[in-house]
């Protein structure tokens, strides 16, 4: 490993990107997981895609009552949203296609903001605004990315400086 890449590991920007990526990924992934998990009789938790439909139907009915968004659009969005939160959150957290994943995370949060801005209480939309800022910061620091699957793939396919000489 070169001295340059060792030095990069200890830079503040690298850790800023890492911590921002972890927070965004966990936030999205856990938001998705809460839609799927239901408590069972033994006190444990069960992953149940049907529970996601139930949770999302409650959210959809609130949106349908308080906004002019057509029902067919709400239904499609509520079907995709829990899975998108899980997949994009995991991709961001593990650093798999980091730039693309962060872009998708920003787009996902922005899409959530759109619907929430139409509701009478805009507190949740303001919270999504803070998340957009965090995603923007992560995108600004992504060139210093460490601890990501992208880096492992890059190391596997890159040549050592000694090989080039």
N, C-alpha and C. Protein backbone atom coordinates (compact mmCIF):
# COMPACT_ATOMS: atom_id res chain seq x y z
N UNK A 1 0.85 -1.17 0.00
CA UNK A 1 0.00 0.00 0.00
C UNK A 1 0.89 1.23 0.00
N UNK A 2 0.58 2.21 -0.77
CA UNK A 2 1.43 3.38 -0.90
C UNK A 2 1.30 4.30 0.30
N UNK A 3 2.31 5.18 0.44
CA UNK A 3 2.30 6.14 1.55
C UNK A 3 1.13 7.10 1.39
N UNK A 4 0.80 7.45 0.15
CA UNK A 4 -0.32 8.35 -0.14
C UNK A 4 -1.63 7.79 0.40
N UNK A 5 -1.92 6.50 0.15
CA UNK A 5 -3.19 5.92 0.60
C UNK A 5 -3.19 5.72 2.11
N UNK A 6 -2.03 5.46 2.74
CA UNK A 6 -1.96 5.38 4.20
C UNK A 6 -2.30 6.73 4.80
N UNK A 7 -1.76 7.79 4.21
CA UNK A 7 -2.01 9.14 4.71
C UNK A 7 -3.49 9.50 4.57
N UNK A 8 -4.10 9.12 3.46
CA UNK A 8 -5.52 9.41 3.21
C UNK A 8 -6.41 8.83 4.31
N UNK A 9 -6.03 7.65 4.81
CA UNK A 9 -6.82 6.99 5.83
C UNK A 9 -6.92 7.82 7.11
N UNK A 10 -5.90 8.62 7.39
CA UNK A 10 -5.88 9.39 8.63
C UNK A 10 -6.36 10.83 8.47
N UNK A 11 -6.80 11.21 7.29
CA UNK A 11 -7.29 12.57 7.08
C UNK A 11 -8.68 12.74 7.67
N UNK A 12 -8.95 13.94 8.16
CA UNK A 12 -10.26 14.25 8.73
C UNK A 12 -11.38 14.13 7.73
N UNK A 13 -11.11 14.52 6.48
CA UNK A 13 -12.15 14.44 5.44
C UNK A 13 -12.57 13.01 5.19
N UNK A 14 -11.61 12.09 5.30
CA UNK A 14 -11.93 10.67 5.09
C UNK A 14 -12.90 10.19 6.16
N UNK A 15 -12.63 10.56 7.40
CA UNK A 15 -13.52 10.13 8.49
C UNK A 15 -14.85 10.87 8.44
N UNK A 16 -14.83 12.13 7.99
CA UNK A 16 -16.10 12.86 7.83
C UNK A 16 -16.99 12.13 6.84
N UNK A 17 -16.42 11.73 5.72
CA UNK A 17 -17.19 10.99 4.71
C UNK A 17 -17.69 9.67 5.29
N UNK A 18 -16.83 8.97 6.01
CA UNK A 18 -17.21 7.68 6.59
C UNK A 18 -18.38 7.84 7.56
N UNK A 19 -18.28 8.79 8.49
CA UNK A 19 -19.34 8.97 9.48
C UNK A 19 -20.63 9.47 8.85
N UNK A 20 -20.54 10.37 7.89
CA UNK A 20 -21.74 10.83 7.18
C UNK A 20 -22.39 9.68 6.43
N UNK A 21 -21.57 8.87 5.76
CA UNK A 21 -22.08 7.71 5.03
C UNK A 21 -22.77 6.73 5.96
N UNK A 22 -22.17 6.46 7.11
CA UNK A 22 -22.77 5.54 8.07
C UNK A 22 -24.12 6.07 8.57
N UNK A 23 -24.17 7.37 8.90
CA UNK A 23 -25.41 7.94 9.42
C UNK A 23 -26.52 7.89 8.37
N UNK A 24 -26.20 8.31 7.16
CA UNK A 24 -27.21 8.30 6.09
C UNK A 24 -27.68 6.88 5.83
N UNK A 25 -26.75 5.96 5.71
CA UNK A 25 -27.11 4.56 5.44
C UNK A 25 -27.96 3.95 6.53
N UNK A 26 -27.55 4.16 7.79
CA UNK A 26 -28.35 3.61 8.90
C UNK A 26 -29.72 4.26 8.96
N UNK A 27 -29.77 5.56 8.74
CA UNK A 27 -31.05 6.29 8.80
C UNK A 27 -32.03 5.73 7.77
N UNK A 28 -31.56 5.56 6.55
CA UNK A 28 -32.44 5.04 5.50
C UNK A 28 -32.78 3.57 5.72
N UNK A 29 -31.77 2.78 6.05
CA UNK A 29 -31.99 1.35 6.21
C UNK A 29 -32.94 1.06 7.38
N UNK A 30 -32.74 1.75 8.50
CA UNK A 30 -33.62 1.52 9.64
C UNK A 30 -35.03 2.05 9.38
N UNK A 31 -35.14 3.14 8.61
CA UNK A 31 -36.47 3.63 8.23
C UNK A 31 -37.20 2.59 7.39
N UNK A 32 -36.47 1.90 6.53
CA UNK A 32 -37.06 0.83 5.74
C UNK A 32 -37.40 -0.38 6.59
N UNK A 33 -36.49 -0.76 7.48
CA UNK A 33 -36.72 -1.95 8.32
C UNK A 33 -37.94 -1.79 9.22
N UNK A 34 -38.17 -0.58 9.75
CA UNK A 34 -39.32 -0.38 10.64
C UNK A 34 -40.64 -0.62 9.93
N UNK A 35 -40.62 -0.52 8.62
CA UNK A 35 -41.86 -0.78 7.86
C UNK A 35 -42.13 -2.28 7.73
N UNK A 36 -41.08 -3.09 7.80
CA UNK A 36 -41.21 -4.53 7.60
C UNK A 36 -41.34 -5.34 8.89
N UNK A 37 -40.72 -4.89 9.96
CA UNK A 37 -40.68 -5.72 11.17
C UNK A 37 -41.94 -5.56 12.00
N UNK A 38 -42.41 -6.71 12.50
CA UNK A 38 -43.57 -6.75 13.39
C UNK A 38 -43.21 -7.63 14.58
N UNK A 39 -43.67 -7.24 15.76
CA UNK A 39 -43.37 -8.00 16.97
C UNK A 39 -44.25 -9.25 17.01
N UNK A 40 -43.63 -10.40 17.28
CA UNK A 40 -44.40 -11.66 17.33
C UNK A 40 -44.79 -11.99 18.77
N UNK A 41 -45.50 -13.12 18.94
CA UNK A 41 -46.02 -13.51 20.26
C UNK A 41 -44.92 -13.77 21.28
N UNK A 42 -43.77 -14.24 20.83
CA UNK A 42 -42.67 -14.57 21.74
C UNK A 42 -41.90 -13.33 22.18
N UNK A 43 -42.26 -12.18 21.66
CA UNK A 43 -41.56 -10.94 22.00
C UNK A 43 -40.43 -10.61 21.05
N UNK A 44 -40.19 -11.47 20.06
CA UNK A 44 -39.16 -11.21 19.05
C UNK A 44 -39.74 -10.43 17.89
N UNK A 45 -38.91 -10.23 16.90
CA UNK A 45 -39.33 -9.48 15.73
C UNK A 45 -39.28 -10.37 14.50
N UNK A 46 -40.26 -10.20 13.61
CA UNK A 46 -40.36 -10.98 12.39
C UNK A 46 -40.37 -10.04 11.19
N UNK A 47 -39.59 -10.39 10.17
CA UNK A 47 -39.58 -9.63 8.92
C UNK A 47 -40.80 -10.04 8.12
N UNK A 48 -41.70 -9.10 7.87
CA UNK A 48 -42.96 -9.41 7.20
C UNK A 48 -43.29 -8.36 6.14
N UNK A 49 -43.12 -8.69 4.86
CA UNK A 49 -43.45 -7.74 3.80
C UNK A 49 -44.91 -7.27 3.84
N UNK A 50 -45.80 -8.11 4.36
CA UNK A 50 -47.21 -7.70 4.48
C UNK A 50 -47.36 -6.55 5.48
N UNK A 51 -46.52 -6.53 6.51
CA UNK A 51 -46.56 -5.43 7.47
C UNK A 51 -46.19 -4.11 6.80
N UNK A 52 -45.26 -4.16 5.85
CA UNK A 52 -44.88 -2.95 5.12
C UNK A 52 -46.09 -2.41 4.35
N UNK A 53 -46.87 -3.30 3.77
CA UNK A 53 -48.08 -2.87 3.06
C UNK A 53 -49.05 -2.19 4.02
N UNK A 54 -49.20 -2.76 5.22
CA UNK A 54 -50.10 -2.19 6.22
C UNK A 54 -49.62 -0.82 6.67
N UNK A 55 -48.34 -0.72 7.03
CA UNK A 55 -47.78 0.55 7.49
C UNK A 55 -47.89 1.61 6.39
N UNK A 56 -47.55 1.23 5.18
CA UNK A 56 -47.59 2.19 4.08
C UNK A 56 -49.02 2.58 3.71
N UNK A 57 -49.99 1.68 3.93
CA UNK A 57 -51.39 2.04 3.64
C UNK A 57 -51.86 3.13 4.60
N UNK A 58 -51.40 3.09 5.85
CA UNK A 58 -51.75 4.16 6.80
C UNK A 58 -51.16 5.49 6.36
N UNK A 59 -49.92 5.46 5.92
CA UNK A 59 -49.27 6.69 5.45
C UNK A 59 -49.95 7.19 4.18
N UNK A 60 -50.28 6.27 3.29
CA UNK A 60 -50.95 6.63 2.04
C UNK A 60 -52.31 7.27 2.30
N UNK A 61 -53.06 6.73 3.26
CA UNK A 61 -54.38 7.31 3.55
C UNK A 61 -54.25 8.72 4.11
N UNK A 62 -53.22 8.97 4.92
CA UNK A 62 -52.98 10.33 5.43
C UNK A 62 -52.66 11.28 4.28
N UNK A 63 -51.81 10.83 3.37
CA UNK A 63 -51.44 11.66 2.22
C UNK A 63 -52.64 11.89 1.30
N UNK A 64 -53.45 10.86 1.14
CA UNK A 64 -54.62 10.95 0.27
C UNK A 64 -55.63 11.96 0.82
N UNK A 65 -55.78 11.98 2.14
CA UNK A 65 -56.73 12.87 2.79
C UNK A 65 -56.26 14.33 2.75
N UNK A 66 -54.96 14.54 2.91
CA UNK A 66 -54.45 15.90 3.09
C UNK A 66 -53.76 16.52 1.88
N UNK A 67 -53.64 15.77 0.78
CA UNK A 67 -52.98 16.33 -0.40
C UNK A 67 -53.80 16.01 -1.65
N UNK A 68 -53.38 16.57 -2.75
CA UNK A 68 -54.04 16.30 -4.04
C UNK A 68 -53.26 15.31 -4.89
N UNK A 69 -52.34 14.58 -4.28
CA UNK A 69 -51.58 13.59 -5.03
C UNK A 69 -52.52 12.44 -5.39
N UNK A 70 -52.58 12.04 -6.66
CA UNK A 70 -53.48 10.96 -7.07
C UNK A 70 -53.17 9.64 -6.35
N UNK A 71 -54.22 8.90 -6.05
CA UNK A 71 -54.09 7.65 -5.31
C UNK A 71 -53.19 6.64 -6.02
N UNK A 72 -53.29 6.55 -7.34
CA UNK A 72 -52.47 5.56 -8.05
C UNK A 72 -50.98 5.87 -7.90
N UNK A 73 -50.63 7.15 -7.80
CA UNK A 73 -49.22 7.52 -7.59
C UNK A 73 -48.79 7.19 -6.17
N UNK A 74 -49.66 7.45 -5.21
CA UNK A 74 -49.35 7.13 -3.82
C UNK A 74 -49.18 5.62 -3.63
N UNK A 75 -50.04 4.85 -4.28
CA UNK A 75 -49.96 3.39 -4.15
C UNK A 75 -48.64 2.85 -4.71
N UNK A 76 -48.25 3.35 -5.88
CA UNK A 76 -46.99 2.90 -6.48
C UNK A 76 -45.80 3.30 -5.60
N UNK A 77 -45.81 4.53 -5.13
CA UNK A 77 -44.72 5.03 -4.29
C UNK A 77 -44.63 4.24 -2.99
N UNK A 78 -45.78 3.95 -2.39
CA UNK A 78 -45.77 3.22 -1.11
C UNK A 78 -45.32 1.77 -1.27
N UNK A 79 -45.46 1.22 -2.46
CA UNK A 79 -44.97 -0.14 -2.72
C UNK A 79 -43.45 -0.16 -2.84
N UNK A 80 -42.89 0.83 -3.50
CA UNK A 80 -41.45 0.88 -3.76
C UNK A 80 -40.66 1.42 -2.57
N UNK A 81 -41.22 2.37 -1.83
CA UNK A 81 -40.48 3.10 -0.80
C UNK A 81 -39.77 2.22 0.23
N UNK A 82 -40.45 1.27 0.89
CA UNK A 82 -39.74 0.49 1.92
C UNK A 82 -38.53 -0.26 1.37
N UNK A 83 -38.68 -0.84 0.18
CA UNK A 83 -37.57 -1.57 -0.44
C UNK A 83 -36.46 -0.62 -0.86
N UNK A 84 -36.82 0.54 -1.38
CA UNK A 84 -35.82 1.53 -1.79
C UNK A 84 -35.03 2.02 -0.58
N UNK A 85 -35.71 2.25 0.54
CA UNK A 85 -35.02 2.68 1.76
C UNK A 85 -34.00 1.63 2.20
N UNK A 86 -34.41 0.36 2.15
CA UNK A 86 -33.50 -0.72 2.55
C UNK A 86 -32.29 -0.82 1.62
N UNK A 87 -32.53 -0.88 0.34
CA UNK A 87 -31.46 -1.11 -0.63
C UNK A 87 -30.51 0.09 -0.71
N UNK A 88 -31.06 1.28 -0.83
CA UNK A 88 -30.22 2.48 -0.92
C UNK A 88 -29.47 2.69 0.40
N UNK A 89 -30.15 2.48 1.53
CA UNK A 89 -29.49 2.62 2.82
C UNK A 89 -28.31 1.68 2.98
N UNK A 90 -28.51 0.42 2.62
CA UNK A 90 -27.42 -0.56 2.72
C UNK A 90 -26.28 -0.21 1.76
N UNK A 91 -26.62 0.24 0.56
CA UNK A 91 -25.58 0.61 -0.42
C UNK A 91 -24.74 1.78 0.08
N UNK A 92 -25.39 2.76 0.66
CA UNK A 92 -24.66 3.91 1.20
C UNK A 92 -23.80 3.48 2.38
N UNK A 93 -24.38 2.71 3.28
CA UNK A 93 -23.66 2.31 4.49
C UNK A 93 -22.42 1.49 4.16
N UNK A 94 -22.54 0.55 3.25
CA UNK A 94 -21.40 -0.30 2.91
C UNK A 94 -20.48 0.33 1.87
N UNK A 95 -20.91 1.44 1.28
CA UNK A 95 -20.07 2.11 0.30
C UNK A 95 -20.02 1.38 -1.03
N UNK A 96 -21.14 0.87 -1.44
CA UNK A 96 -21.23 0.15 -2.72
C UNK A 96 -21.73 1.14 -3.77
N UNK A 97 -20.91 1.42 -4.78
CA UNK A 97 -21.20 2.49 -5.74
C UNK A 97 -21.55 3.77 -4.98
N UNK A 98 -20.60 4.25 -4.20
CA UNK A 98 -20.85 5.29 -3.21
C UNK A 98 -21.47 6.55 -3.79
N UNK A 99 -20.92 7.09 -4.86
CA UNK A 99 -21.46 8.33 -5.41
C UNK A 99 -22.89 8.14 -5.91
N UNK A 100 -23.12 7.06 -6.62
CA UNK A 100 -24.46 6.78 -7.13
C UNK A 100 -25.43 6.55 -5.98
N UNK A 101 -24.99 5.80 -4.98
CA UNK A 101 -25.84 5.51 -3.82
C UNK A 101 -26.19 6.78 -3.06
N UNK A 102 -25.21 7.67 -2.88
CA UNK A 102 -25.49 8.94 -2.20
C UNK A 102 -26.43 9.80 -3.02
N UNK A 103 -26.26 9.81 -4.34
CA UNK A 103 -27.18 10.55 -5.20
C UNK A 103 -28.60 10.00 -5.05
N UNK A 104 -28.74 8.67 -5.07
CA UNK A 104 -30.06 8.05 -4.91
C UNK A 104 -30.64 8.34 -3.53
N UNK A 105 -29.78 8.38 -2.51
CA UNK A 105 -30.24 8.72 -1.16
C UNK A 105 -30.80 10.14 -1.15
N UNK A 106 -30.09 11.06 -1.78
CA UNK A 106 -30.58 12.44 -1.86
C UNK A 106 -31.89 12.53 -2.62
N UNK A 107 -32.00 11.80 -3.73
CA UNK A 107 -33.24 11.80 -4.51
C UNK A 107 -34.39 11.20 -3.71
N UNK A 108 -34.10 10.16 -2.95
CA UNK A 108 -35.13 9.52 -2.12
C UNK A 108 -35.63 10.46 -1.03
N UNK A 109 -34.70 11.12 -0.36
CA UNK A 109 -35.08 12.07 0.70
C UNK A 109 -35.83 13.26 0.09
N UNK A 110 -35.40 13.71 -1.07
CA UNK A 110 -36.09 14.81 -1.74
C UNK A 110 -37.51 14.41 -2.12
N UNK A 111 -37.69 13.18 -2.59
CA UNK A 111 -39.04 12.71 -2.95
C UNK A 111 -39.93 12.64 -1.71
N UNK A 112 -39.36 12.22 -0.59
CA UNK A 112 -40.13 12.22 0.66
C UNK A 112 -40.51 13.64 1.06
N UNK A 113 -39.58 14.57 0.87
CA UNK A 113 -39.83 15.97 1.23
C UNK A 113 -40.99 16.55 0.43
N UNK A 114 -41.06 16.18 -0.84
CA UNK A 114 -42.12 16.70 -1.70
C UNK A 114 -43.49 16.42 -1.10
N UNK A 115 -43.75 15.17 -0.75
CA UNK A 115 -45.05 14.82 -0.18
C UNK A 115 -45.28 15.46 1.18
N UNK A 116 -44.23 15.50 2.00
CA UNK A 116 -44.38 16.05 3.34
C UNK A 116 -44.62 17.55 3.34
N UNK A 117 -44.11 18.25 2.32
CA UNK A 117 -44.33 19.69 2.22
C UNK A 117 -45.79 20.02 1.95
N UNK A 118 -46.52 19.07 1.41
CA UNK A 118 -47.93 19.30 1.09
C UNK A 118 -48.84 19.10 2.30
N UNK A 119 -48.30 18.52 3.38
CA UNK A 119 -49.09 18.31 4.59
C UNK A 119 -49.15 19.60 5.40
N UNK A 120 -50.21 19.75 6.23
CA UNK A 120 -50.35 20.97 7.03
C UNK A 120 -49.17 21.21 8.00
N UNK A 121 -48.67 20.17 8.64
CA UNK A 121 -47.55 20.31 9.56
C UNK A 121 -46.26 20.01 8.79
N UNK A 122 -45.43 21.03 8.63
CA UNK A 122 -44.23 20.84 7.80
C UNK A 122 -42.98 20.49 8.60
N UNK A 123 -43.13 20.07 9.84
CA UNK A 123 -41.98 19.71 10.68
C UNK A 123 -41.18 18.57 10.05
N UNK A 124 -41.86 17.55 9.57
CA UNK A 124 -41.17 16.41 8.96
C UNK A 124 -40.43 16.83 7.69
N UNK A 125 -40.99 17.77 6.94
CA UNK A 125 -40.31 18.25 5.73
C UNK A 125 -39.03 18.99 6.09
N UNK A 126 -39.05 19.73 7.18
CA UNK A 126 -37.84 20.43 7.64
C UNK A 126 -36.77 19.41 8.04
N UNK A 127 -37.19 18.34 8.70
CA UNK A 127 -36.23 17.28 9.07
C UNK A 127 -35.61 16.66 7.83
N UNK A 128 -36.40 16.46 6.78
CA UNK A 128 -35.85 15.93 5.53
C UNK A 128 -34.87 16.92 4.92
N UNK A 129 -35.12 18.22 5.12
CA UNK A 129 -34.19 19.24 4.64
C UNK A 129 -32.82 19.11 5.29
N UNK A 130 -32.80 18.82 6.57
CA UNK A 130 -31.53 18.59 7.27
C UNK A 130 -30.85 17.36 6.69
N UNK A 131 -31.62 16.32 6.39
CA UNK A 131 -31.04 15.11 5.79
C UNK A 131 -30.45 15.40 4.41
N UNK A 132 -31.10 16.28 3.65
CA UNK A 132 -30.57 16.67 2.34
C UNK A 132 -29.21 17.36 2.51
N UNK A 133 -29.09 18.21 3.52
CA UNK A 133 -27.81 18.88 3.80
C UNK A 133 -26.74 17.85 4.14
N UNK A 134 -27.09 16.86 4.95
CA UNK A 134 -26.13 15.82 5.33
C UNK A 134 -25.70 15.02 4.09
N UNK A 135 -26.64 14.69 3.22
CA UNK A 135 -26.29 13.97 1.99
C UNK A 135 -25.38 14.84 1.12
N UNK A 136 -25.67 16.13 1.04
CA UNK A 136 -24.82 17.04 0.28
C UNK A 136 -23.40 17.08 0.83
N UNK A 137 -23.27 17.12 2.15
CA UNK A 137 -21.94 17.09 2.77
C UNK A 137 -21.21 15.79 2.46
N UNK A 138 -21.94 14.69 2.49
CA UNK A 138 -21.32 13.40 2.17
C UNK A 138 -20.85 13.38 0.72
N UNK A 139 -21.64 13.94 -0.18
CA UNK A 139 -21.23 14.00 -1.59
C UNK A 139 -20.01 14.90 -1.77
N UNK A 140 -19.91 15.96 -0.97
CA UNK A 140 -18.76 16.85 -1.06
C UNK A 140 -17.48 16.18 -0.55
N UNK A 141 -17.60 15.24 0.36
CA UNK A 141 -16.42 14.58 0.93
C UNK A 141 -16.16 13.20 0.33
N UNK A 142 -16.95 12.78 -0.63
CA UNK A 142 -16.86 11.40 -1.14
C UNK A 142 -15.52 11.10 -1.81
N UNK A 143 -14.82 12.11 -2.28
CA UNK A 143 -13.51 11.84 -2.89
C UNK A 143 -12.50 11.38 -1.85
N UNK A 144 -12.81 11.57 -0.57
CA UNK A 144 -11.94 11.12 0.52
C UNK A 144 -12.46 9.83 1.15
N UNK A 145 -13.33 9.15 0.46
CA UNK A 145 -14.05 7.98 0.97
C UNK A 145 -13.10 6.87 1.44
N UNK A 146 -13.30 6.40 2.66
CA UNK A 146 -12.55 5.24 3.18
C UNK A 146 -13.54 4.23 3.75
N UNK A 147 -13.10 3.00 3.88
CA UNK A 147 -13.95 1.97 4.49
C UNK A 147 -15.14 1.58 3.66
N UNK A 148 -15.02 1.68 2.35
CA UNK A 148 -16.13 1.37 1.46
C UNK A 148 -15.79 0.17 0.58
N UNK A 149 -16.82 -0.54 0.17
CA UNK A 149 -16.64 -1.66 -0.75
C UNK A 149 -15.98 -1.17 -2.04
N UNK A 150 -16.33 0.04 -2.48
CA UNK A 150 -15.71 0.61 -3.67
C UNK A 150 -14.19 0.58 -3.57
N UNK A 151 -13.66 0.92 -2.41
CA UNK A 151 -12.21 0.95 -2.21
C UNK A 151 -11.63 -0.45 -2.31
N UNK A 152 -12.32 -1.44 -1.77
CA UNK A 152 -11.83 -2.81 -1.85
C UNK A 152 -11.78 -3.29 -3.29
N UNK A 153 -12.80 -2.95 -4.05
CA UNK A 153 -12.83 -3.32 -5.47
C UNK A 153 -11.70 -2.59 -6.20
N UNK A 154 -11.50 -1.31 -5.87
CA UNK A 154 -10.43 -0.53 -6.48
C UNK A 154 -9.06 -1.10 -6.17
N UNK A 155 -8.86 -1.55 -4.93
CA UNK A 155 -7.58 -2.14 -4.56
C UNK A 155 -7.34 -3.45 -5.30
N UNK A 156 -8.38 -4.20 -5.52
CA UNK A 156 -8.23 -5.50 -6.18
C UNK A 156 -7.85 -5.34 -7.65
N UNK A 157 -8.26 -4.25 -8.28
CA UNK A 157 -8.01 -4.08 -9.70
C UNK A 157 -6.96 -3.02 -10.03
N UNK A 158 -6.35 -2.43 -9.01
CA UNK A 158 -5.33 -1.41 -9.28
C UNK A 158 -3.94 -2.03 -9.22
N UNK A 159 -3.03 -1.41 -9.94
CA UNK A 159 -1.65 -1.89 -9.95
C UNK A 159 -0.87 -1.18 -8.85
N UNK A 160 0.08 -1.87 -8.26
CA UNK A 160 1.00 -1.26 -7.32
C UNK A 160 1.96 -0.37 -8.08
N UNK A 161 2.48 0.63 -7.41
CA UNK A 161 3.45 1.52 -8.05
C UNK A 161 4.71 0.75 -8.44
N UNK A 162 5.06 -0.29 -7.66
CA UNK A 162 6.25 -1.08 -7.97
C UNK A 162 6.06 -1.85 -9.27
N UNK A 163 4.84 -2.33 -9.55
CA UNK A 163 4.58 -3.09 -10.77
C UNK A 163 4.73 -2.21 -12.00
N UNK A 164 4.37 -0.94 -11.88
CA UNK A 164 4.43 -0.04 -13.02
C UNK A 164 5.86 0.33 -13.37
N UNK A 165 6.76 0.33 -12.39
CA UNK A 165 8.15 0.77 -12.62
C UNK A 165 8.99 -0.26 -13.34
